[in-house]
Amino acid sequence: MSNAAPASATTVFGSVGPIEVREQGSGRPVVMLPSLGRGGADFDDLASRLAAAGYRALCPEPRGIGGSTGELGDLTMADLADDVAAVIRERTEGAATLVGHAFGNRVARMTATEHPELVERVALLCCGGMVPPAPEVHQALVAVFDPDRSEAEHLEAVRKAFFAPGNDPVVWVEGWHGTVAAAQGLANAGTPSDHWWAAGGRDILVVQPVDDLVAVAENARRIVEDFDERTTLVLVPEAGHALLPEQPQAVADALLGWLGEWN
């Protein structure tokens, strides 16, 4: 689907260990941060689209996935932001745009808060943080990472938590890292959301799936209300919390259109 060169892997050495980064394309850098307990491969399609459009896509693996082997014990949101900052410092010539999906949007905003000089703007896909999901949806999210669930139970939990009605959850049956998710969850719980909510004062793109039951739409509305003068909101129908595999073209169109405003 893309004329861009294939992705290549490199290693950045952060403060506590190596960070694996997949890179593709050339041009202005866009760093993409995945969902809870998931890896950078979730962005493969979007990275190819960005590279084909003239951007440099960088997908660092979170600690505990692939070649990113930093310590997970006592992990904090500041630690995760420092990892992103290390990638930007070593692999770009200045600041970068951050794209965070689900939990990754929290890391993106934390990075912009802690390292504002390294962040040009922030795109939030499925952005939560203030308004929690319904209890039964939260239970399904937890069940996704339960190794004692049967294959059928696991797939049903993925469907309920992540996919809009009619969309096939089989594309996300793999790729879940329970130990990483647990550490990230504790890191998130240890930092009040109002610390990173404002994304360091940077311009914000919110891409909100209409059927997202985890990062419910009220979160997106609050961001728009709080930061109207620097926020762009795009609603994506027929998509849930997974979003990237559900509506890849819509996500790419929203992101590229917004990035193009600065070219």
C-alpha atoms as a PDB file:
ATOM      1  CA  MET A   1       0.000   0.000   0.000  1.00  0.00           C
ATOM      2  CA  SER A   2       3.040   2.286   0.367  1.00  0.00           C
ATOM      3  CA  ASN A   3       5.997   3.310  -1.734  1.00  0.00           C
ATOM      4  CA  ALA A   4       7.999   4.125   1.401  1.00  0.00           C
ATOM      5  CA  ALA A   5      11.114   2.172   2.301  1.00  0.00           C
ATOM      6  CA  PRO A   6      10.525  -0.672   4.776  1.00  0.00           C
ATOM      7  CA  ALA A   7      10.934  -0.038   8.475  1.00  0.00           C
ATOM      8  CA  SER A   8      14.322  -0.543  10.091  1.00  0.00           C
ATOM      9  CA  ALA A   9      15.092  -1.255  13.736  1.00  0.00           C
ATOM     10  CA  THR A  10      17.525   0.630  15.889  1.00  0.00           C
ATOM     11  CA  THR A  11      18.332   0.831  19.586  1.00  0.00           C
ATOM     12  CA  VAL A  12      18.326   3.910  21.787  1.00  0.00           C
ATOM     13  CA  PHE A  13      19.966   3.692  25.192  1.00  0.00           C
ATOM     14  CA  GLY A  14      17.764   5.371  27.764  1.00  0.00           C
ATOM     15  CA  SER A  15      18.598   6.055  31.378  1.00  0.00           C
ATOM     16  CA  VAL A  16      17.755   2.504  32.517  1.00  0.00           C
ATOM     17  CA  GLY A  17      18.326   0.348  29.465  1.00  0.00           C
ATOM     18  CA  PRO A  18      17.887  -0.116  25.736  1.00  0.00           C
ATOM     19  CA  ILE A  19      14.798   0.999  23.850  1.00  0.00           C
ATOM     20  CA  GLU A  20      13.955  -0.696  20.561  1.00  0.00           C
ATOM     21  CA  VAL A  21      12.705   1.719  17.914  1.00  0.00           C
ATOM     22  CA  ARG A  22      11.311   0.908  14.483  1.00  0.00           C
ATOM     23  CA  GLU A  23      11.724   3.736  11.993  1.00  0.00           C
ATOM     24  CA  GLN A  24      10.291   4.327   8.552  1.00  0.00           C
ATOM     25  CA  GLY A  25      10.437   7.207   6.088  1.00  0.00           C
ATOM     26  CA  SER A  26      12.101  10.599   6.240  1.00  0.00           C
ATOM     27  CA  GLY A  27      10.942  14.091   7.020  1.00  0.00           C
ATOM     28  CA  ARG A  28       9.403  15.645  10.110  1.00  0.00           C
ATOM     29  CA  PRO A  29       9.407  13.103  12.972  1.00  0.00           C
ATOM     30  CA  VAL A  30       6.262  11.530  14.392  1.00  0.00           C
ATOM     31  CA  VAL A  31       6.700   9.309  17.463  1.00  0.00           C
ATOM     32  CA  MET A  32       3.882   6.825  18.127  1.00  0.00           C
ATOM     33  CA  LEU A  33       3.063   5.305  21.519  1.00  0.00           C
ATOM     34  CA  PRO A  34       0.827   2.210  21.823  1.00  0.00           C
ATOM     35  CA  SER A  35      -2.057   1.144  24.009  1.00  0.00           C
ATOM     36  CA  LEU A  36      -1.928  -0.552  27.407  1.00  0.00           C
ATOM     37  CA  GLY A  37       0.190  -3.689  27.299  1.00  0.00           C
ATOM     38  CA  ARG A  38       0.624  -3.563  23.542  1.00  0.00           C
ATOM     39  CA  GLY A  39       3.618  -2.996  21.278  1.00  0.00           C
ATOM     40  CA  GLY A  40       4.677  -0.677  18.522  1.00  0.00           C
ATOM     41  CA  ALA A  41       3.517  -3.102  15.814  1.00  0.00           C
ATOM     42  CA  ASP A  42       0.018  -1.690  16.283  1.00  0.00           C
ATOM     43  CA  PHE A  43       1.247   1.329  14.354  1.00  0.00           C
ATOM     44  CA  ASP A  44       2.745  -0.554  11.395  1.00  0.00           C
ATOM     45  CA  ASP A  45      -0.011   0.438   8.989  1.00  0.00           C
ATOM     46  CA  LEU A  46      -0.139   4.053  10.138  1.00  0.00           C
ATOM     47  CA  ALA A  47       3.667   4.299  10.049  1.00  0.00           C
ATOM     48  CA  SER A  48       3.677   3.178   6.416  1.00  0.00           C
ATOM     49  CA  ARG A  49       1.035   5.759   5.529  1.00  0.00           C
ATOM     50  CA  LEU A  50       2.981   8.523   7.283  1.00  0.00           C
ATOM     51  CA  ALA A  51       6.227   7.509   5.587  1.00  0.00           C
ATOM     52  CA  ALA A  52       4.522   7.502   2.188  1.00  0.00           C
ATOM     53  CA  ALA A  53       3.263  11.022   2.914  1.00  0.00           C
ATOM     54  CA  GLY A  54       6.761  12.332   3.656  1.00  0.00           C
ATOM     55  CA  TYR A  55       7.061  11.946   7.417  1.00  0.00           C
ATOM     56  CA  ARG A  56       9.508   9.971   9.538  1.00  0.00           C
ATOM     57  CA  ALA A  57       7.599   7.497  11.691  1.00  0.00           C
ATOM     58  CA  LEU A  58       9.255   6.253  14.888  1.00  0.00           C
ATOM     59  CA  CYS A  59       7.665   3.471  16.935  1.00  0.00           C
ATOM     60  CA  PRO A  60       9.462   2.778  20.225  1.00  0.00           C
ATOM     61  CA  GLU A  61       8.619  -0.425  22.039  1.00  0.00           C
ATOM     62  CA  PRO A  62       7.469   0.130  25.633  1.00  0.00           C
ATOM     63  CA  ARG A  63       9.595  -1.296  28.407  1.00  0.00           C
ATOM     64  CA  GLY A  64       9.181  -5.051  28.628  1.00  0.00           C
ATOM     65  CA  ILE A  65       8.391  -5.577  24.932  1.00  0.00           C
ATOM     66  CA  GLY A  66      10.902  -6.644  22.286  1.00  0.00           C
ATOM     67  CA  GLY A  67      14.314  -5.084  22.732  1.00  0.00           C
ATOM     68  CA  SER A  68      13.121  -2.545  25.313  1.00  0.00           C
ATOM     69  CA  THR A  69      14.327  -4.151  28.511  1.00  0.00           C
ATOM     70  CA  GLY A  70      14.199  -1.336  31.064  1.00  0.00           C
ATOM     71  CA  GLU A  71      13.109  -2.118  34.601  1.00  0.00           C
ATOM     72  CA  LEU A  72       9.343  -2.476  35.159  1.00  0.00           C
ATOM     73  CA  GLY A  73       9.439  -2.484  38.958  1.00  0.00           C
ATOM     74  CA  ASP A  74       8.241   0.758  40.574  1.00  0.00           C
ATOM     75  CA  LEU A  75       7.570   2.171  37.106  1.00  0.00           C
ATOM     76  CA  THR A  76       6.252   5.746  36.968  1.00  0.00           C
ATOM     77  CA  MET A  77       4.690   7.872  34.255  1.00  0.00           C
ATOM     78  CA  ALA A  78       7.772  10.090  34.465  1.00  0.00           C
ATOM     79  CA  ASP A  79       9.926   7.047  33.651  1.00  0.00           C
ATOM     80  CA  LEU A  80       7.854   6.347  30.552  1.00  0.00           C
ATOM     81  CA  ALA A  81       8.070   9.990  29.509  1.00  0.00           C
ATOM     82  CA  ASP A  82      11.849   9.877  29.979  1.00  0.00           C
ATOM     83  CA  ASP A  83      12.025   6.877  27.632  1.00  0.00           C
ATOM     84  CA  VAL A  84      10.156   8.809  24.934  1.00  0.00           C
ATOM     85  CA  ALA A  85      12.379  11.834  25.519  1.00  0.00           C
ATOM     86  CA  ALA A  86      15.482   9.671  25.052  1.00  0.00           C
ATOM     87  CA  VAL A  87      14.179   8.482  21.678  1.00  0.00           C
ATOM     88  CA  ILE A  88      13.460  12.032  20.521  1.00  0.00           C
ATOM     89  CA  ARG A  89      16.853  13.323  21.634  1.00  0.00           C
ATOM     90  CA  GLU A  90      18.801  10.543  19.953  1.00  0.00           C
ATOM     91  CA  ARG A  91      16.765   9.928  16.805  1.00  0.00           C
ATOM     92  CA  THR A  92      15.597  13.424  15.807  1.00  0.00           C
ATOM     93  CA  GLU A  93      17.210  16.816  15.384  1.00  0.00           C
ATOM     94  CA  GLY A  94      14.785  18.676  17.600  1.00  0.00           C
ATOM     95  CA  ALA A  95      11.183  18.264  18.660  1.00  0.00           C
ATOM     96  CA  ALA A  96       8.658  15.691  17.406  1.00  0.00           C
ATOM     97  CA  THR A  97       4.926  15.233  17.101  1.00  0.00           C
ATOM     98  CA  LEU A  98       3.632  12.554  19.476  1.00  0.00           C
ATOM     99  CA  VAL A  99       0.764  10.200  18.655  1.00  0.00           C
ATOM    100  CA  GLY A 100      -0.592   8.262  21.610  1.00  0.00           C
ATOM    101  CA  HIS A 101      -3.193   5.517  21.348  1.00  0.00           C
ATOM    102  CA  ALA A 102      -5.283   4.825  24.459  1.00  0.00           C
ATOM    103  CA  PHE A 103      -2.772   4.442  27.351  1.00  0.00           C
ATOM    104  CA  GLY A 104      -0.197   5.882  24.975  1.00  0.00           C
ATOM    105  CA  ASN A 105      -2.076   9.181  24.954  1.00  0.00           C
ATOM    106  CA  ARG A 106      -1.344   9.491  28.648  1.00  0.00           C
ATOM    107  CA  VAL A 107       2.339   8.845  28.027  1.00  0.00           C
ATOM    108  CA  ALA A 108       2.307  11.382  25.188  1.00  0.00           C
ATOM    109  CA  ARG A 109       0.778  14.068  27.381  1.00  0.00           C
ATOM    110  CA  MET A 110       3.136  13.224  30.236  1.00  0.00           C
ATOM    111  CA  THR A 111       6.086  13.595  27.868  1.00  0.00           C
ATOM    112  CA  ALA A 112       4.814  16.966  26.666  1.00  0.00           C
ATOM    113  CA  THR A 113       4.401  18.039  30.303  1.00  0.00           C
ATOM    114  CA  GLU A 114       7.819  16.866  31.487  1.00  0.00           C
ATOM    115  CA  HIS A 115       9.805  17.594  28.303  1.00  0.00           C
ATOM    116  CA  PRO A 116       7.951  20.397  26.483  1.00  0.00           C
ATOM    117  CA  GLU A 117      11.029  21.418  24.508  1.00  0.00           C
ATOM    118  CA  LEU A 118      10.969  18.040  22.743  1.00  0.00           C
ATOM    119  CA  VAL A 119       7.289  18.020  21.747  1.00  0.00           C
ATOM    120  CA  GLU A 120       5.801  20.074  18.917  1.00  0.00           C
ATOM    121  CA  ARG A 121       2.209  18.863  19.200  1.00  0.00           C
ATOM    122  CA  VAL A 122       0.227  15.873  20.435  1.00  0.00           C
ATOM    123  CA  ALA A 123      -2.336  13.618  18.721  1.00  0.00           C
ATOM    124  CA  LEU A 124      -4.569  11.582  21.016  1.00  0.00           C
ATOM    125  CA  LEU A 125      -6.305   8.468  19.709  1.00  0.00           C
ATOM    126  CA  CYS A 126      -8.972   7.182  22.121  1.00  0.00           C
ATOM    127  CA  CYS A 127      -8.103   9.613  24.906  1.00  0.00           C
ATOM    128  CA  GLY A 128      -9.187   8.818  28.435  1.00  0.00           C
ATOM    129  CA  GLY A 129      -8.011  10.109  31.764  1.00  0.00           C
ATOM    130  CA  MET A 130     -10.880  11.804  33.565  1.00  0.00           C
ATOM    131  CA  VAL A 131     -14.112   9.887  32.985  1.00  0.00           C
ATOM    132  CA  PRO A 132     -13.828   6.120  33.595  1.00  0.00           C
ATOM    133  CA  PRO A 133     -15.602   3.389  31.647  1.00  0.00           C
ATOM    134  CA  ALA A 134     -18.622   1.510  32.971  1.00  0.00           C
ATOM    135  CA  PRO A 135     -17.730  -1.230  35.487  1.00  0.00           C
ATOM    136  CA  GLU A 136     -18.582  -4.067  33.086  1.00  0.00           C
ATOM    137  CA  VAL A 137     -16.335  -2.574  30.410  1.00  0.00           C
ATOM    138  CA  HIS A 138     -13.482  -2.211  32.891  1.00  0.00           C
ATOM    139  CA  GLN A 139     -13.971  -5.868  33.834  1.00  0.00           C
ATOM    140  CA  ALA A 140     -13.676  -6.862  30.177  1.00  0.00           C
ATOM    141  CA  LEU A 141     -10.475  -4.814  29.858  1.00  0.00           C
ATOM    142  CA  VAL A 142      -8.979  -6.621  32.852  1.00  0.00           C
ATOM    143  CA  ALA A 143     -10.103  -9.981  31.467  1.00  0.00           C
ATOM    144  CA  VAL A 144      -8.151  -9.375  28.243  1.00  0.00           C
ATOM    145  CA  PHE A 145      -4.930  -9.833  30.230  1.00  0.00           C
ATOM    146  CA  ASP A 146      -6.106 -12.822  32.305  1.00  0.00           C
ATOM    147  CA  PRO A 147      -4.024 -15.865  31.254  1.00  0.00           C
ATOM    148  CA  ASP A 148      -6.565 -18.230  32.810  1.00  0.00           C
ATOM    149  CA  ARG A 149      -9.311 -17.282  30.346  1.00  0.00           C
ATOM    150  CA  SER A 150     -10.156 -19.701  27.561  1.00  0.00           C
ATOM    151  CA  GLU A 151      -9.493 -18.611  23.973  1.00  0.00           C
ATOM    152  CA  ALA A 152     -13.182 -17.938  23.498  1.00  0.00           C
ATOM    153  CA  GLU A 153     -13.434 -15.932  26.730  1.00  0.00           C
ATOM    154  CA  HIS A 154     -10.336 -13.937  25.806  1.00  0.00           C
ATOM    155  CA  LEU A 155     -11.688 -13.105  22.366  1.00  0.00           C
ATOM    156  CA  GLU A 156     -15.031 -12.056  23.825  1.00  0.00           C
ATOM    157  CA  ALA A 157     -13.270  -9.744  26.304  1.00  0.00           C
ATOM    158  CA  VAL A 158     -11.266  -8.180  23.460  1.00  0.00           C
ATOM    159  CA  ARG A 159     -14.471  -7.680  21.475  1.00  0.00           C
ATOM    160  CA  LYS A 160     -16.379  -6.122  24.365  1.00  0.00           C
ATOM    161  CA  ALA A 161     -13.625  -3.758  25.513  1.00  0.00           C
ATOM    162  CA  PHE A 162     -12.043  -2.779  22.222  1.00  0.00           C
ATOM    163  CA  PHE A 163     -14.215  -3.269  19.145  1.00  0.00           C
ATOM    164  CA  ALA A 164     -17.316  -1.569  17.799  1.00  0.00           C
ATOM    165  CA  PRO A 165     -20.355  -3.710  16.926  1.00  0.00           C
ATOM    166  CA  GLY A 166     -19.774  -5.634  13.720  1.00  0.00           C
ATOM    167  CA  ASN A 167     -15.975  -5.285  13.743  1.00  0.00           C
ATOM    168  CA  ASP A 168     -13.899  -8.471  13.954  1.00  0.00           C
ATOM    169  CA  PRO A 169     -11.742  -8.697  17.115  1.00  0.00           C
ATOM    170  CA  VAL A 170      -9.677 -11.600  15.720  1.00  0.00           C
ATOM    171  CA  VAL A 171      -7.118  -9.113  14.357  1.00  0.00           C
ATOM    172  CA  TRP A 172      -6.207  -8.321  17.972  1.00  0.00           C
ATOM    173  CA  VAL A 173      -6.309 -11.805  19.445  1.00  0.00           C
ATOM    174  CA  GLU A 174      -2.514 -11.659  19.824  1.00  0.00           C
ATOM    175  CA  GLY A 175      -0.125  -8.973  21.039  1.00  0.00           C
ATOM    176  CA  TRP A 176      -1.143  -8.643  24.692  1.00  0.00           C
ATOM    177  CA  HIS A 177       1.583  -8.270  27.360  1.00  0.00           C
ATOM    178  CA  GLY A 178       0.068  -8.735  30.794  1.00  0.00           C
ATOM    179  CA  THR A 179       3.174  -7.999  32.855  1.00  0.00           C
ATOM    180  CA  VAL A 180       3.756  -4.774  30.944  1.00  0.00           C
ATOM    181  CA  ALA A 181       0.101  -3.776  31.327  1.00  0.00           C
ATOM    182  CA  ALA A 182       0.240  -4.332  35.087  1.00  0.00           C
ATOM    183  CA  ALA A 183       3.331  -2.132  35.447  1.00  0.00           C
ATOM    184  CA  GLN A 184       1.839   0.567  33.246  1.00  0.00           C
ATOM    185  CA  GLY A 185      -1.396   0.477  35.232  1.00  0.00           C
ATOM    186  CA  LEU A 186       0.468   1.047  38.487  1.00  0.00           C
ATOM    187  CA  ALA A 187       2.444   3.881  36.909  1.00  0.00           C
ATOM    188  CA  ASN A 188      -0.761   5.514  35.756  1.00  0.00           C
ATOM    189  CA  ALA A 189      -2.382   5.141  39.176  1.00  0.00           C
ATOM    190  CA  GLY A 190       0.624   6.817  40.793  1.00  0.00           C
ATOM    191  CA  THR A 191       0.293  10.078  38.862  1.00  0.00           C
ATOM    192  CA  PRO A 192      -2.849  12.255  39.053  1.00  0.00           C
ATOM    193  CA  SER A 193      -4.308  12.799  35.605  1.00  0.00           C
ATOM    194  CA  ASP A 194      -4.499  16.538  36.107  1.00  0.00           C
ATOM    195  CA  HIS A 195      -0.677  16.579  36.092  1.00  0.00           C
ATOM    196  CA  TRP A 196      -0.510  15.626  32.400  1.00  0.00           C
ATOM    197  CA  TRP A 197      -4.047  16.473  31.234  1.00  0.00           C
ATOM    198  CA  ALA A 198      -3.057  19.742  29.517  1.00  0.00           C
ATOM    199  CA  ALA A 199      -0.327  18.145  27.364  1.00  0.00           C
ATOM    200  CA  GLY A 200       2.231  20.775  28.247  1.00  0.00           C
ATOM    201  CA  GLY A 201       0.263  23.502  26.495  1.00  0.00           C
ATOM    202  CA  ARG A 202       0.815  21.950  23.070  1.00  0.00           C
ATOM    203  CA  ASP A 203      -1.710  21.863  20.231  1.00  0.00           C
ATOM    204  CA  ILE A 204      -3.880  18.745  20.411  1.00  0.00           C
ATOM    205  CA  LEU A 205      -5.634  16.523  17.898  1.00  0.00           C
ATOM    206  CA  VAL A 206      -8.298  14.285  19.427  1.00  0.00           C
ATOM    207  CA  VAL A 207      -9.404  11.337  17.286  1.00  0.00           C
ATOM    208  CA  GLN A 208     -12.438   9.956  19.099  1.00  0.00           C
ATOM    209  CA  PRO A 209     -14.111   6.677  18.076  1.00  0.00           C
ATOM    210  CA  VAL A 210     -17.872   7.013  18.294  1.00  0.00           C
ATOM    211  CA  ASP A 211     -18.245   3.535  19.832  1.00  0.00           C
ATOM    212  CA  ASP A 212     -15.341   3.705  22.324  1.00  0.00           C
ATOM    213  CA  LEU A 213     -16.526   2.236  25.633  1.00  0.00           C
ATOM    214  CA  VAL A 214     -13.150   2.449  27.426  1.00  0.00           C
ATOM    215  CA  ALA A 215     -12.061   6.025  26.670  1.00  0.00           C
ATOM    216  CA  VAL A 216     -15.622   7.307  26.690  1.00  0.00           C
ATOM    217  CA  ALA A 217     -16.441  10.354  24.581  1.00  0.00           C
ATOM    218  CA  GLU A 218     -16.923  12.605  27.607  1.00  0.00           C
ATOM    219  CA  ASN A 219     -13.122  12.696  27.958  1.00  0.00           C
ATOM    220  CA  ALA A 220     -12.766  14.112  24.453  1.00  0.00           C
ATOM    221  CA  ARG A 221     -15.489  16.664  25.093  1.00  0.00           C
ATOM    222  CA  ARG A 222     -13.731  17.825  28.247  1.00  0.00           C
ATOM    223  CA  ILE A 223     -10.449  18.295  26.398  1.00  0.00           C
ATOM    224  CA  VAL A 224     -12.198  20.411  23.788  1.00  0.00           C
ATOM    225  CA  GLU A 225     -13.917  22.463  26.484  1.00  0.00           C
ATOM    226  CA  ASP A 226     -10.707  22.939  28.474  1.00  0.00           C
ATOM    227  CA  PHE A 227      -8.419  23.758  25.544  1.00  0.00           C
ATOM    228  CA  ASP A 228     -10.740  24.862  22.767  1.00  0.00           C
ATOM    229  CA  GLU A 229      -8.271  27.329  21.260  1.00  0.00           C
ATOM    230  CA  ARG A 230      -5.643  24.624  20.622  1.00  0.00           C
ATOM    231  CA  THR A 231      -7.687  21.458  20.119  1.00  0.00           C
ATOM    232  CA  THR A 232      -9.035  19.810  16.961  1.00  0.00           C
ATOM    233  CA  LEU A 233     -11.644  17.064  17.369  1.00  0.00           C
ATOM    234  CA  VAL A 234     -12.315  14.345  14.765  1.00  0.00           C
ATOM    235  CA  LEU A 235     -15.058  11.759  15.364  1.00  0.00           C
ATOM    236  CA  VAL A 236     -14.647   8.327  13.756  1.00  0.00           C
ATOM    237  CA  PRO A 237     -17.801   6.226  13.320  1.00  0.00           C
ATOM    238  CA  GLU A 238     -17.852   2.422  13.386  1.00  0.00           C
ATOM    239  CA  ALA A 239     -14.815   2.230  15.653  1.00  0.00           C
ATOM    240  CA  GLY A 240     -14.196   1.355  19.273  1.00  0.00           C
ATOM    241  CA  HIS A 241     -11.169   1.517  21.556  1.00  0.00           C
ATOM    242  CA  ALA A 242      -9.028  -0.534  19.143  1.00  0.00           C
ATOM    243  CA  LEU A 243      -9.521   2.136  16.419  1.00  0.00           C
ATOM    244  CA  LEU A 244      -6.240   1.521  14.551  1.00  0.00           C
ATOM    245  CA  PRO A 245      -7.204  -1.853  13.035  1.00  0.00           C
ATOM    246  CA  GLU A 246     -10.862  -0.845  12.777  1.00  0.00           C
ATOM    247  CA  GLN A 247     -10.573   2.380  10.783  1.00  0.00           C
ATOM    248  CA  PRO A 248      -6.975   2.783   9.553  1.00  0.00           C
ATOM    249  CA  GLN A 249      -7.836   5.084   6.658  1.00  0.00           C
ATOM    250  CA  ALA A 250      -9.898   7.428   8.817  1.00  0.00           C
ATOM    251  CA  VAL A 251      -7.094   7.680  11.384  1.00  0.00           C
ATOM    252  CA  ALA A 252      -4.498   8.406   8.711  1.00  0.00           C
ATOM    253  CA  ASP A 253      -6.723  11.016   7.052  1.00  0.00           C
ATOM    254  CA  ALA A 254      -7.315  12.799  10.359  1.00  0.00           C
ATOM    255  CA  LEU A 255      -3.658  12.780  11.365  1.00  0.00           C
ATOM    256  CA  LEU A 256      -2.252  13.762   7.975  1.00  0.00           C
ATOM    257  CA  GLY A 257      -4.802  16.527   7.543  1.00  0.00           C
ATOM    258  CA  TRP A 258      -3.915  17.971  10.931  1.00  0.00           C
ATOM    259  CA  LEU A 259      -0.165  17.647  10.397  1.00  0.00           C
ATOM    260  CA  GLY A 260      -0.515  19.304   7.021  1.00  0.00           C
ATOM    261  CA  GLU A 261      -1.706  22.504   8.687  1.00  0.00           C
ATOM    262  CA  TRP A 262       1.882  23.100   9.846  1.00  0.00           C
ATOM    263  CA  ASN A 263       3.612  22.324   6.546  1.00  0.00           C
END
